[in-house]
Protein backbone atom coordinates (compact mmCIF):
# COMPACT_ATOMS: atom_id res chain seq x y z
CA UNK A 1 107.01 85.47 139.60
CA UNK A 2 104.82 88.29 140.65
CA UNK A 3 100.98 88.64 139.66
CA UNK A 4 102.10 91.63 137.32
CA UNK A 5 104.52 89.45 135.42
CA UNK A 6 102.03 86.96 134.75
CA UNK A 7 99.51 89.42 133.46
CA UNK A 8 102.12 90.87 131.24
CA UNK A 9 103.09 87.58 129.73
CA UNK A 10 99.48 86.89 128.90
CA UNK A 11 98.99 90.22 127.25
CA UNK A 12 102.09 89.61 125.12
CA UNK A 13 100.36 86.83 123.40
CA UNK A 14 98.22 88.92 121.11
CA UNK A 15 99.48 90.58 118.01
CA UNK A 16 97.97 94.02 118.64
CA UNK A 17 96.94 95.93 121.55
CA UNK A 18 93.49 96.54 123.17
CA UNK A 19 93.13 99.81 121.49
CA UNK A 20 94.00 98.32 118.11
CA UNK A 21 91.42 95.70 118.47
CA UNK A 22 88.69 98.45 119.31
CA UNK A 23 89.77 100.48 116.21
CA UNK A 24 89.37 97.19 114.03
CA UNK A 25 85.77 96.71 115.28
CA UNK A 26 84.86 100.52 114.64
CA UNK A 27 86.34 100.00 111.01
CA UNK A 28 84.30 96.97 110.47
CA UNK A 29 81.36 98.82 111.48
CA UNK A 30 82.01 101.53 109.29
CA UNK A 31 82.22 99.08 106.33
CA UNK A 32 78.85 97.62 107.15
CA UNK A 33 77.34 100.80 107.19
CA UNK A 34 78.76 101.63 103.70
CA UNK A 35 77.33 98.41 102.41
CA UNK A 36 74.26 98.89 104.14
CA UNK A 37 73.99 102.48 102.42
CA UNK A 38 74.12 100.56 99.05
CA UNK A 39 71.14 98.31 99.56
CA UNK A 40 67.98 99.05 97.97
CA UNK A 41 66.85 100.79 94.87
CA UNK A 42 65.73 97.70 92.83
CA UNK A 43 62.34 97.08 91.33
CA UNK A 44 59.79 94.63 92.46
CA UNK A 45 58.52 94.34 88.66
CA UNK A 46 61.56 93.12 86.38
CA UNK A 47 59.83 94.93 83.47
CA UNK A 48 60.01 98.26 85.28
CA UNK A 49 63.20 100.40 85.50
CA UNK A 50 63.80 102.10 88.84
CA UNK A 51 66.31 104.96 88.43
CA UNK A 52 66.69 105.32 92.28
CA UNK A 53 69.41 102.47 91.87
CA UNK A 54 71.66 105.46 90.58
CA UNK A 55 71.21 107.78 93.41
CA UNK A 56 74.04 109.69 95.08
CA UNK A 57 73.88 107.60 98.11
CA UNK A 58 74.45 104.43 96.27
CA UNK A 59 76.88 105.49 93.66
CA UNK A 60 78.96 107.92 95.53
CA UNK A 61 78.59 108.10 99.32
CA UNK A 62 78.39 104.43 100.05
CA UNK A 63 81.33 103.33 98.40
CA UNK A 64 83.43 106.29 99.85
CA UNK A 65 82.33 105.14 103.33
CA UNK A 66 83.13 101.53 102.70
CA UNK A 67 86.61 102.52 101.34
CA UNK A 68 87.21 104.68 104.61
CA UNK A 69 86.36 101.89 106.49
CA UNK A 70 89.05 99.74 104.88
CA UNK A 71 91.59 102.54 105.07
CA UNK A 72 90.57 103.02 109.02
CA UNK A 73 91.12 99.18 109.39
CA UNK A 74 94.84 99.69 107.79
CA UNK A 75 95.23 102.50 110.26
CA UNK A 76 94.17 100.34 113.14
CA UNK A 77 96.37 97.62 112.29
CA UNK A 78 99.56 99.78 111.76
CA UNK A 79 99.14 101.91 114.82
CA UNK A 80 101.50 101.09 117.64
CA UNK A 81 100.11 100.11 120.85
CA UNK A 82 100.94 102.27 124.00
CA UNK A 83 103.05 100.64 126.48
């Protein structure tokens, strides 16, 4: 066996290619950003209502970013690796 054949067999053990794993990591980062955008808006005093909890960022933008991250992960899994 040549060195090239040994390296090829080691790489075949993975279900996805290197590019797929990079895209998966990017998708996870996008999801974390989406959830981080949802954080905050609460009140220190439980008797005081803070309307900031219903801001555009928390109600609309953050869920859309997180959903895009999940869709991106599905794309990363389904993408065929280049040979």
